[in-house]
Each structure stands twice: as structure tokens, then as C-alpha cells.
Amino acid sequence: QVQLVESGGGSVQAGGSLKLSCAASLYTYTKHAMGWFRQAPGKEREGVAAISGDGSTTYSDSVKGRFTISRDNAKNTLYLQMNNLKPEDTAMYYCAADDGGYSDYPLIMLLDKAWYSYWGQGTQVTVSS
């Protein structure tokens, strides 16, 4: 059974930083693309950052230059370093994993929530002004 468990959320002031982690119980972790999504109250879940199995990354325009996604394949863990946080970054953050084994797809597809089969329970990030 696939499990994704996020941690690292919290409350910070604008301009601050947080680092989210997602521990994944995936037998073939390196074959799975992983993504970070967020959902604010009353809004759609949106893709923030994603990383393919071979380490290629993509970001939404709203976080590019401020957030960095990375993965530690030895620890089956996904990270999201968030710097220069803004109040509009306030949301529940979720990590996601695809079915694994895909190739030759446009990287931008990894920011589409429909790409993913597995989801964590989320971790709350609150940024105050």
C-alpha cells in the first residue's frame, strides 16, 4: 500500500522560509515522478513544483525562483524548500506520486493533478503579513 506522509508545515511571517518533507513508501521510488500541490480554501488544488524520476524539475510561475523541489532517492523522501514566503502561499500542501514508469512526456504535465495516483494527507502552511 502506497503511503505519502508530509511534514514540515507551520506558521511563518512573510519573507520567512519553511522546508516541507514527504516520506514515500514506494517500492520503486526512483521510477515515480513526484509533485507538490497546494490548495487554499475555496480554490482549486494547483501544482507548485514537480520532479521526474531522473531529477528534472518544473515549477509554477508563482513560485519560480523562491521554491526548490528535490528528492533523496536513498531515503525515499521528497522535499520542498520554500523561501521568501508570501501571504498568498498560505494553503494546505500535498505531495503526490504517479504510477511510475512513464517516459517521454512534457515536464509541464507533472503540474497537473490528474497525472497523479497517490496523495498524502497534507501539511498546513500559513504565512502572515
C-alpha atoms as a PDB file:
ATOM      1  CA  GLN A   1       0.000   0.000   0.000  1.00  0.00           C
ATOM      2  CA  VAL A   2       1.418   3.351  -1.039  1.00  0.00           C
ATOM      3  CA  GLN A   3       1.734   5.935   1.701  1.00  0.00           C
ATOM      4  CA  LEU A   4       2.853   9.528   1.395  1.00  0.00           C
ATOM      5  CA  VAL A   5       3.358  11.431   4.637  1.00  0.00           C
ATOM      6  CA  GLU A   6       4.058  15.156   4.606  1.00  0.00           C
ATOM      7  CA  SER A   7       5.685  17.135   7.393  1.00  0.00           C
ATOM      8  CA  GLY A   8       7.326  20.494   7.973  1.00  0.00           C
ATOM      9  CA  GLY A   9       4.391  22.851   7.653  1.00  0.00           C
ATOM     10  CA  GLY A  10       3.826  25.676  10.088  1.00  0.00           C
ATOM     11  CA  SER A  11       3.248  29.380  10.544  1.00  0.00           C
ATOM     12  CA  VAL A  12       5.807  31.962   9.450  1.00  0.00           C
ATOM     13  CA  GLN A  13       5.934  35.649   8.703  1.00  0.00           C
ATOM     14  CA  ALA A  14       6.232  36.958   5.183  1.00  0.00           C
ATOM     15  CA  GLY A  15       9.792  36.668   3.946  1.00  0.00           C
ATOM     16  CA  GLY A  16      10.434  33.581   6.027  1.00  0.00           C
ATOM     17  CA  SER A  17      11.303  30.037   4.986  1.00  0.00           C
ATOM     18  CA  LEU A  18       9.986  26.529   5.515  1.00  0.00           C
ATOM     19  CA  LYS A  19      11.099  23.129   4.268  1.00  0.00           C
ATOM     20  CA  LEU A  20       8.460  20.500   3.625  1.00  0.00           C
ATOM     21  CA  SER A  21       9.220  16.786   3.536  1.00  0.00           C
ATOM     22  CA  CYS A  22       7.271  13.864   2.117  1.00  0.00           C
ATOM     23  CA  ALA A  23       8.195  10.331   3.124  1.00  0.00           C
ATOM     24  CA  ALA A  24       7.094   7.833   0.481  1.00  0.00           C
ATOM     25  CA  SER A  25       6.534   4.113   0.850  1.00  0.00           C
ATOM     26  CA  LEU A  26       7.115   3.258  -2.789  1.00  0.00           C
ATOM     27  CA  TYR A  27       8.935   0.045  -3.677  1.00  0.00           C
ATOM     28  CA  THR A  28      10.375   1.562  -6.861  1.00  0.00           C
ATOM     29  CA  TYR A  29      10.645   5.166  -5.687  1.00  0.00           C
ATOM     30  CA  THR A  30      13.082   6.262  -8.359  1.00  0.00           C
ATOM     31  CA  LYS A  31      10.621   5.336 -11.117  1.00  0.00           C
ATOM     32  CA  HIS A  32       7.954   7.699  -9.826  1.00  0.00           C
ATOM     33  CA  ALA A  33       7.539  11.339 -10.670  1.00  0.00           C
ATOM     34  CA  MET A  34       6.630  13.352  -7.583  1.00  0.00           C
ATOM     35  CA  GLY A  35       4.908  16.652  -7.142  1.00  0.00           C
ATOM     36  CA  TRP A  36       3.926  19.264  -4.596  1.00  0.00           C
ATOM     37  CA  PHE A  37       0.478  20.781  -4.799  1.00  0.00           C
ATOM     38  CA  ARG A  38      -1.368  23.284  -2.675  1.00  0.00           C
ATOM     39  CA  GLN A  39      -4.968  24.155  -2.028  1.00  0.00           C
ATOM     40  CA  ALA A  40      -6.235  27.306  -0.373  1.00  0.00           C
ATOM     41  CA  PRO A  41      -9.801  27.497   0.994  1.00  0.00           C
ATOM     42  CA  GLY A  42     -12.298  27.898  -1.831  1.00  0.00           C
ATOM     43  CA  LYS A  43      -9.683  27.370  -4.522  1.00  0.00           C
ATOM     44  CA  GLU A  44      -8.663  24.551  -6.810  1.00  0.00           C
ATOM     45  CA  ARG A  45      -5.684  22.371  -5.982  1.00  0.00           C
ATOM     46  CA  GLU A  46      -2.769  23.698  -8.004  1.00  0.00           C
ATOM     47  CA  GLY A  47       0.619  22.312  -8.941  1.00  0.00           C
ATOM     48  CA  VAL A  48       3.541  24.098  -7.345  1.00  0.00           C
ATOM     49  CA  ALA A  49       6.591  22.035  -8.241  1.00  0.00           C
ATOM     50  CA  ALA A  50       7.356  18.604  -9.588  1.00  0.00           C
ATOM     51  CA  ILE A  51      10.311  16.357 -10.224  1.00  0.00           C
ATOM     52  CA  SER A  52      10.654  13.411 -12.560  1.00  0.00           C
ATOM     53  CA  GLY A  53      12.289  10.126 -11.687  1.00  0.00           C
ATOM     54  CA  ASP A  54      15.515  11.267 -13.339  1.00  0.00           C
ATOM     55  CA  GLY A  55      15.533  14.566 -11.430  1.00  0.00           C
ATOM     56  CA  SER A  56      14.166  17.025 -13.975  1.00  0.00           C
ATOM     57  CA  THR A  57      12.134  19.763 -12.325  1.00  0.00           C
ATOM     58  CA  THR A  58       9.361  22.157 -13.196  1.00  0.00           C
ATOM     59  CA  TYR A  59       7.699  24.963 -11.226  1.00  0.00           C
ATOM     60  CA  SER A  60       4.619  27.103 -11.423  1.00  0.00           C
ATOM     61  CA  ASP A  61       5.298  30.730 -12.291  1.00  0.00           C
ATOM     62  CA  SER A  62       4.044  31.850  -8.889  1.00  0.00           C
ATOM     63  CA  VAL A  63       6.870  30.084  -7.023  1.00  0.00           C
ATOM     64  CA  LYS A  64       9.683  30.011  -9.555  1.00  0.00           C
ATOM     65  CA  GLY A  65      12.848  31.414  -8.028  1.00  0.00           C
ATOM     66  CA  ARG A  66      11.530  31.047  -4.459  1.00  0.00           C
ATOM     67  CA  PHE A  67      10.794  27.324  -4.082  1.00  0.00           C
ATOM     68  CA  THR A  68      13.105  24.384  -4.767  1.00  0.00           C
ATOM     69  CA  ILE A  69      11.975  20.792  -5.125  1.00  0.00           C
ATOM     70  CA  SER A  70      14.388  17.939  -4.542  1.00  0.00           C
ATOM     71  CA  ARG A  71      14.374  14.242  -3.818  1.00  0.00           C
ATOM     72  CA  ASP A  72      16.597  11.919  -1.831  1.00  0.00           C
ATOM     73  CA  ASN A  73      16.243   8.545  -3.509  1.00  0.00           C
ATOM     74  CA  ALA A  74      18.189   6.785  -0.771  1.00  0.00           C
ATOM     75  CA  LYS A  75      15.630   7.950   1.803  1.00  0.00           C
ATOM     76  CA  ASN A  76      12.520   7.782  -0.441  1.00  0.00           C
ATOM     77  CA  THR A  77      11.867  11.376   0.544  1.00  0.00           C
ATOM     78  CA  LEU A  78      10.696  14.411  -1.377  1.00  0.00           C
ATOM     79  CA  TYR A  79      11.431  17.965  -0.247  1.00  0.00           C
ATOM     80  CA  LEU A  80      10.181  21.454  -0.949  1.00  0.00           C
ATOM     81  CA  GLN A  81      12.361  24.316   0.230  1.00  0.00           C
ATOM     82  CA  MET A  82      10.250  27.456   0.360  1.00  0.00           C
ATOM     83  CA  ASN A  83      11.987  30.823   0.682  1.00  0.00           C
ATOM     84  CA  ASN A  84      10.707  34.378   0.677  1.00  0.00           C
ATOM     85  CA  LEU A  85       7.241  33.174   1.587  1.00  0.00           C
ATOM     86  CA  LYS A  86       4.275  35.412   0.866  1.00  0.00           C
ATOM     87  CA  PRO A  87       0.780  35.508   2.413  1.00  0.00           C
ATOM     88  CA  GLU A  88      -0.606  34.160  -0.862  1.00  0.00           C
ATOM     89  CA  ASP A  89       1.427  30.987  -0.309  1.00  0.00           C
ATOM     90  CA  THR A  90      -0.890  30.127   2.572  1.00  0.00           C
ATOM     91  CA  ALA A  91      -2.518  26.764   1.804  1.00  0.00           C
ATOM     92  CA  MET A  92      -2.607  23.081   2.586  1.00  0.00           C
ATOM     93  CA  TYR A  93       0.358  21.498   0.808  1.00  0.00           C
ATOM     94  CA  TYR A  94       0.153  17.967  -0.555  1.00  0.00           C
ATOM     95  CA  CYS A  95       2.713  15.672  -2.098  1.00  0.00           C
ATOM     96  CA  ALA A  96       1.763  13.296  -4.855  1.00  0.00           C
ATOM     97  CA  ALA A  97       3.266  10.376  -6.750  1.00  0.00           C
ATOM     98  CA  ASP A  98       2.419   9.000 -10.160  1.00  0.00           C
ATOM     99  CA  ASP A  99       2.139   5.342 -11.121  1.00  0.00           C
ATOM    100  CA  GLY A 100       5.768   5.235 -12.192  1.00  0.00           C
ATOM    101  CA  GLY A 101       7.473   4.072 -15.334  1.00  0.00           C
ATOM    102  CA  TYR A 102       6.350   6.837 -17.676  1.00  0.00           C
ATOM    103  CA  SER A 103       8.775   8.365 -20.143  1.00  0.00           C
ATOM    104  CA  ASP A 104       8.877  10.915 -22.944  1.00  0.00           C
ATOM    105  CA  TYR A 105       6.224  13.210 -21.548  1.00  0.00           C
ATOM    106  CA  PRO A 106       6.238  17.011 -21.382  1.00  0.00           C
ATOM    107  CA  LEU A 107       7.514  18.022 -17.960  1.00  0.00           C
ATOM    108  CA  ILE A 108       4.683  20.525 -17.582  1.00  0.00           C
ATOM    109  CA  MET A 109       2.287  17.559 -17.275  1.00  0.00           C
ATOM    110  CA  LEU A 110       3.692  16.976 -13.796  1.00  0.00           C
ATOM    111  CA  LEU A 111       1.949  20.145 -12.580  1.00  0.00           C
ATOM    112  CA  ASP A 112      -1.459  18.687 -13.475  1.00  0.00           C
ATOM    113  CA  LYS A 113      -3.129  16.970 -10.544  1.00  0.00           C
ATOM    114  CA  ALA A 114      -4.732  14.483 -12.951  1.00  0.00           C
ATOM    115  CA  TRP A 115      -1.293  12.984 -13.600  1.00  0.00           C
ATOM    116  CA  TYR A 116      -1.037  11.545 -10.088  1.00  0.00           C
ATOM    117  CA  SER A 117      -2.475   8.444  -8.479  1.00  0.00           C
ATOM    118  CA  TYR A 118      -1.244   8.768  -4.906  1.00  0.00           C
ATOM    119  CA  TRP A 119      -1.673  11.617  -2.460  1.00  0.00           C
ATOM    120  CA  GLY A 120      -0.631  12.468   1.053  1.00  0.00           C
ATOM    121  CA  GLN A 121      -2.873  13.957   3.734  1.00  0.00           C
ATOM    122  CA  GLY A 122      -1.315  17.406   3.532  1.00  0.00           C
ATOM    123  CA  THR A 123       0.533  19.810   5.784  1.00  0.00           C
ATOM    124  CA  GLN A 124      -0.658  23.345   6.500  1.00  0.00           C
ATOM    125  CA  VAL A 125       1.466  26.371   5.638  1.00  0.00           C
ATOM    126  CA  THR A 126       0.349  29.758   6.946  1.00  0.00           C
ATOM    127  CA  VAL A 127       2.180  32.953   6.061  1.00  0.00           C
ATOM    128  CA  SER A 128       1.280  36.138   7.891  1.00  0.00           C
ATOM    129  CA  SER A 129       1.992  39.643   6.658  1.00  0.00           C
END
